[in-house]
Amino acid sequence: MGLLNKVMIVEDDPLLSIVEEKMVIKLGYNVVGKAKSGEEALANIQDIDPEILIIDIQLAGTLDGIQTVKKLREKHLDIPVIFLSGDKSNAVLQDTKGINYIDFLLKPVTPKELSVPLKTAAEQIAMLSQSAA
């Protein structure tokens, strides 16, 4: 499980983006695209066609990660989402209410912490593809 799952990382910190990409690859997933802002993610997501989205809450640009995912949901793109953030305050968690997502991880994230929601997302994708077949 995992190896074929295509992951897009939306992270505005170049160093964290590299670290997250290496973790995802080490865990057996394929990074098919990266973006630094919500706007960039929205502009490229249909071309990249990821199966899983790992997205930071605080991003460059005018859209934060939560707003970006809300816009994806408005377009009926129900990609499994894993939120990453340095801020797990009640205000941020309140903003995620009503959004369907896999997990919310506090940065810095370890490979072990990231492996659980990635596996959950991959299992969800597998179940959906079986029911569609």
C-alpha atoms as a PDB file:
ATOM      1  CA  MET A   1       0.000   0.000   0.000  1.00  0.00           C
ATOM      2  CA  GLY A   2       1.147   3.558  -0.548  1.00  0.00           C
ATOM      3  CA  LEU A   3       3.648   3.433  -3.368  1.00  0.00           C
ATOM      4  CA  LEU A   4       1.146   4.385  -6.026  1.00  0.00           C
ATOM      5  CA  ASN A   5      -0.599   7.083  -4.006  1.00  0.00           C
ATOM      6  CA  LYS A   6       0.144  10.490  -5.486  1.00  0.00           C
ATOM      7  CA  VAL A   7       0.734  13.227  -2.914  1.00  0.00           C
ATOM      8  CA  MET A   8       0.774  16.996  -3.379  1.00  0.00           C
ATOM      9  CA  ILE A   9       2.527  19.116  -0.741  1.00  0.00           C
ATOM     10  CA  VAL A  10       1.444  22.716  -0.191  1.00  0.00           C
ATOM     11  CA  GLU A  11       4.086  24.394   1.987  1.00  0.00           C
ATOM     12  CA  ASP A  12       5.546  27.898   1.707  1.00  0.00           C
ATOM     13  CA  ASP A  13       8.717  27.215   3.711  1.00  0.00           C
ATOM     14  CA  PRO A  14      11.258  25.835   1.186  1.00  0.00           C
ATOM     15  CA  LEU A  15      13.213  23.848   3.810  1.00  0.00           C
ATOM     16  CA  LEU A  16      10.106  22.291   5.355  1.00  0.00           C
ATOM     17  CA  SER A  17       8.830  21.500   1.866  1.00  0.00           C
ATOM     18  CA  ILE A  18      11.988  19.479   1.160  1.00  0.00           C
ATOM     19  CA  VAL A  19      11.842  17.724   4.548  1.00  0.00           C
ATOM     20  CA  GLU A  20       8.158  16.854   4.096  1.00  0.00           C
ATOM     21  CA  GLU A  21       8.809  15.587   0.555  1.00  0.00           C
ATOM     22  CA  LYS A  22      11.641  13.322   1.768  1.00  0.00           C
ATOM     23  CA  MET A  23       9.405  11.956   4.542  1.00  0.00           C
ATOM     24  CA  VAL A  24       6.539  11.224   2.151  1.00  0.00           C
ATOM     25  CA  ILE A  25       8.881   9.436  -0.285  1.00  0.00           C
ATOM     26  CA  LYS A  26      10.536   7.479   2.549  1.00  0.00           C
ATOM     27  CA  LEU A  27       7.072   6.348   3.664  1.00  0.00           C
ATOM     28  CA  GLY A  28       6.479   4.900   0.193  1.00  0.00           C
ATOM     29  CA  TYR A  29       4.352   7.567  -1.475  1.00  0.00           C
ATOM     30  CA  ASN A  30       4.921   9.489  -4.689  1.00  0.00           C
ATOM     31  CA  VAL A  31       5.174  13.301  -4.524  1.00  0.00           C
ATOM     32  CA  VAL A  32       3.607  14.481  -7.778  1.00  0.00           C
ATOM     33  CA  GLY A  33       3.516  18.200  -7.091  1.00  0.00           C
ATOM     34  CA  LYS A  34       4.286  21.030  -4.725  1.00  0.00           C
ATOM     35  CA  ALA A  35       2.923  24.531  -4.232  1.00  0.00           C
ATOM     36  CA  LYS A  36       3.863  27.498  -2.048  1.00  0.00           C
ATOM     37  CA  SER A  37       0.440  29.145  -1.859  1.00  0.00           C
ATOM     38  CA  GLY A  38      -3.218  28.239  -1.878  1.00  0.00           C
ATOM     39  CA  GLU A  39      -3.623  30.049  -5.172  1.00  0.00           C
ATOM     40  CA  GLU A  40      -0.794  28.026  -6.754  1.00  0.00           C
ATOM     41  CA  ALA A  41      -2.278  24.796  -5.392  1.00  0.00           C
ATOM     42  CA  LEU A  42      -5.738  25.608  -6.783  1.00  0.00           C
ATOM     43  CA  ALA A  43      -4.296  26.597 -10.163  1.00  0.00           C
ATOM     44  CA  ASN A  44      -2.304  23.360 -10.536  1.00  0.00           C
ATOM     45  CA  ILE A  45      -4.259  20.705  -8.667  1.00  0.00           C
ATOM     46  CA  GLN A  46      -6.332  19.455 -11.594  1.00  0.00           C
ATOM     47  CA  ASP A  47      -3.249  19.118 -13.823  1.00  0.00           C
ATOM     48  CA  ILE A  48      -1.277  17.370 -11.067  1.00  0.00           C
ATOM     49  CA  ASP A  49      -4.247  15.185 -10.035  1.00  0.00           C
ATOM     50  CA  PRO A  50      -2.991  14.182  -6.568  1.00  0.00           C
ATOM     51  CA  GLU A  51      -4.760  11.525  -4.523  1.00  0.00           C
ATOM     52  CA  ILE A  52      -3.679  12.995  -1.172  1.00  0.00           C
ATOM     53  CA  LEU A  53      -3.042  16.622  -0.172  1.00  0.00           C
ATOM     54  CA  ILE A  54      -0.653  17.609   2.623  1.00  0.00           C
ATOM     55  CA  ILE A  55      -1.217  21.303   3.276  1.00  0.00           C
ATOM     56  CA  ASP A  56       0.195  23.831   5.706  1.00  0.00           C
ATOM     57  CA  ILE A  57      -2.298  26.172   7.376  1.00  0.00           C
ATOM     58  CA  GLN A  58      -0.128  29.313   7.086  1.00  0.00           C
ATOM     59  CA  LEU A  59       0.787  29.886   3.437  1.00  0.00           C
ATOM     60  CA  ALA A  60       2.220  32.577   1.208  1.00  0.00           C
ATOM     61  CA  GLY A  61      -0.471  34.404  -0.762  1.00  0.00           C
ATOM     62  CA  THR A  62      -3.927  35.497   0.307  1.00  0.00           C
ATOM     63  CA  LEU A  63      -5.457  32.049   0.905  1.00  0.00           C
ATOM     64  CA  ASP A  64      -4.470  30.009   3.944  1.00  0.00           C
ATOM     65  CA  GLY A  65      -4.587  26.219   3.921  1.00  0.00           C
ATOM     66  CA  ILE A  66      -8.082  26.044   5.382  1.00  0.00           C
ATOM     67  CA  GLN A  67      -9.505  28.492   2.817  1.00  0.00           C
ATOM     68  CA  THR A  68      -7.748  26.558   0.040  1.00  0.00           C
ATOM     69  CA  VAL A  69      -9.326  23.270   1.120  1.00  0.00           C
ATOM     70  CA  LYS A  70     -12.750  24.951   1.403  1.00  0.00           C
ATOM     71  CA  LYS A  71     -12.372  26.128  -2.206  1.00  0.00           C
ATOM     72  CA  LEU A  72     -11.419  22.590  -3.285  1.00  0.00           C
ATOM     73  CA  ARG A  73     -14.515  21.218  -1.554  1.00  0.00           C
ATOM     74  CA  GLU A  74     -16.661  23.854  -3.314  1.00  0.00           C
ATOM     75  CA  LYS A  75     -15.321  22.434  -6.601  1.00  0.00           C
ATOM     76  CA  HIS A  76     -16.321  18.953  -5.342  1.00  0.00           C
ATOM     77  CA  LEU A  77     -12.698  17.826  -5.147  1.00  0.00           C
ATOM     78  CA  ASP A  78     -12.877  15.472  -2.181  1.00  0.00           C
ATOM     79  CA  ILE A  79      -9.162  14.691  -2.005  1.00  0.00           C
ATOM     80  CA  PRO A  80      -8.082  13.341   1.404  1.00  0.00           C
ATOM     81  CA  VAL A  81      -6.380  16.227   3.244  1.00  0.00           C
ATOM     82  CA  ILE A  82      -3.751  16.232   5.973  1.00  0.00           C
ATOM     83  CA  PHE A  83      -3.306  19.635   7.595  1.00  0.00           C
ATOM     84  CA  LEU A  84       0.074  20.651   9.023  1.00  0.00           C
ATOM     85  CA  SER A  85       0.518  23.678  11.249  1.00  0.00           C
ATOM     86  CA  GLY A  86       2.686  25.238  13.895  1.00  0.00           C
ATOM     87  CA  ASP A  87      -0.532  26.556  15.443  1.00  0.00           C
ATOM     88  CA  LYS A  88      -3.079  24.173  16.909  1.00  0.00           C
ATOM     89  CA  SER A  89      -5.021  26.851  18.788  1.00  0.00           C
ATOM     90  CA  ASN A  90      -8.768  26.601  19.303  1.00  0.00           C
ATOM     91  CA  ALA A  91      -9.279  29.388  16.733  1.00  0.00           C
ATOM     92  CA  VAL A  92      -7.453  27.411  14.031  1.00  0.00           C
ATOM     93  CA  LEU A  93      -9.213  24.164  14.937  1.00  0.00           C
ATOM     94  CA  GLN A  94     -12.552  26.028  14.889  1.00  0.00           C
ATOM     95  CA  ASP A  95     -11.807  27.172  11.319  1.00  0.00           C
ATOM     96  CA  THR A  96     -11.420  23.527  10.234  1.00  0.00           C
ATOM     97  CA  LYS A  97     -14.900  22.616  11.520  1.00  0.00           C
ATOM     98  CA  GLY A  98     -17.156  21.408   8.747  1.00  0.00           C
ATOM     99  CA  ILE A  99     -14.229  20.465   6.487  1.00  0.00           C
ATOM    100  CA  ASN A 100     -13.726  16.797   5.763  1.00  0.00           C
ATOM    101  CA  TYR A 101     -10.049  16.030   6.454  1.00  0.00           C
ATOM    102  CA  ILE A 102      -7.959  13.068   7.590  1.00  0.00           C
ATOM    103  CA  ASP A 103      -5.800  14.648  10.297  1.00  0.00           C
ATOM    104  CA  PHE A 104      -4.323  17.844  11.728  1.00  0.00           C
ATOM    105  CA  LEU A 105      -0.662  17.461  12.697  1.00  0.00           C
ATOM    106  CA  LEU A 106       1.384  19.909  14.722  1.00  0.00           C
ATOM    107  CA  LYS A 107       4.765  20.832  13.199  1.00  0.00           C
ATOM    108  CA  PRO A 108       7.467  19.715  13.324  1.00  0.00           C
ATOM    109  CA  VAL A 109       6.019  16.414  12.212  1.00  0.00           C
ATOM    110  CA  THR A 110       7.887  13.102  12.413  1.00  0.00           C
ATOM    111  CA  PRO A 111       7.723  10.329   9.812  1.00  0.00           C
ATOM    112  CA  LYS A 112       5.888   8.142  12.349  1.00  0.00           C
ATOM    113  CA  GLU A 113       3.256  10.851  12.950  1.00  0.00           C
ATOM    114  CA  LEU A 114       2.808  11.388   9.196  1.00  0.00           C
ATOM    115  CA  SER A 115       2.617   7.673   8.377  1.00  0.00           C
ATOM    116  CA  VAL A 116      -0.701   7.156  10.207  1.00  0.00           C
ATOM    117  CA  PRO A 117      -2.834   9.732   8.327  1.00  0.00           C
ATOM    118  CA  LEU A 118      -1.124   8.848   5.029  1.00  0.00           C
ATOM    119  CA  LYS A 119      -2.066   5.202   5.561  1.00  0.00           C
ATOM    120  CA  THR A 120      -5.628   6.219   6.501  1.00  0.00           C
ATOM    121  CA  ALA A 121      -5.885   8.331   3.319  1.00  0.00           C
ATOM    122  CA  ALA A 122      -4.501   5.481   1.178  1.00  0.00           C
ATOM    123  CA  GLU A 123      -7.014   3.046   2.706  1.00  0.00           C
ATOM    124  CA  GLN A 124      -9.841   5.519   2.052  1.00  0.00           C
ATOM    125  CA  ILE A 125      -8.744   5.841  -1.607  1.00  0.00           C
ATOM    126  CA  ALA A 126      -8.548   2.040  -1.950  1.00  0.00           C
ATOM    127  CA  MET A 127     -12.049   1.608  -0.531  1.00  0.00           C
ATOM    128  CA  LEU A 128     -13.470   4.285  -2.828  1.00  0.00           C
ATOM    129  CA  SER A 129     -11.853   2.779  -5.910  1.00  0.00           C
ATOM    130  CA  GLN A 130     -13.166  -0.695  -4.975  1.00  0.00           C
ATOM    131  CA  SER A 131     -16.704   0.607  -4.525  1.00  0.00           C
ATOM    132  CA  ALA A 132     -16.470   2.462  -7.858  1.00  0.00           C
ATOM    133  CA  ALA A 133     -15.337  -0.683  -9.676  1.00  0.00           C
END
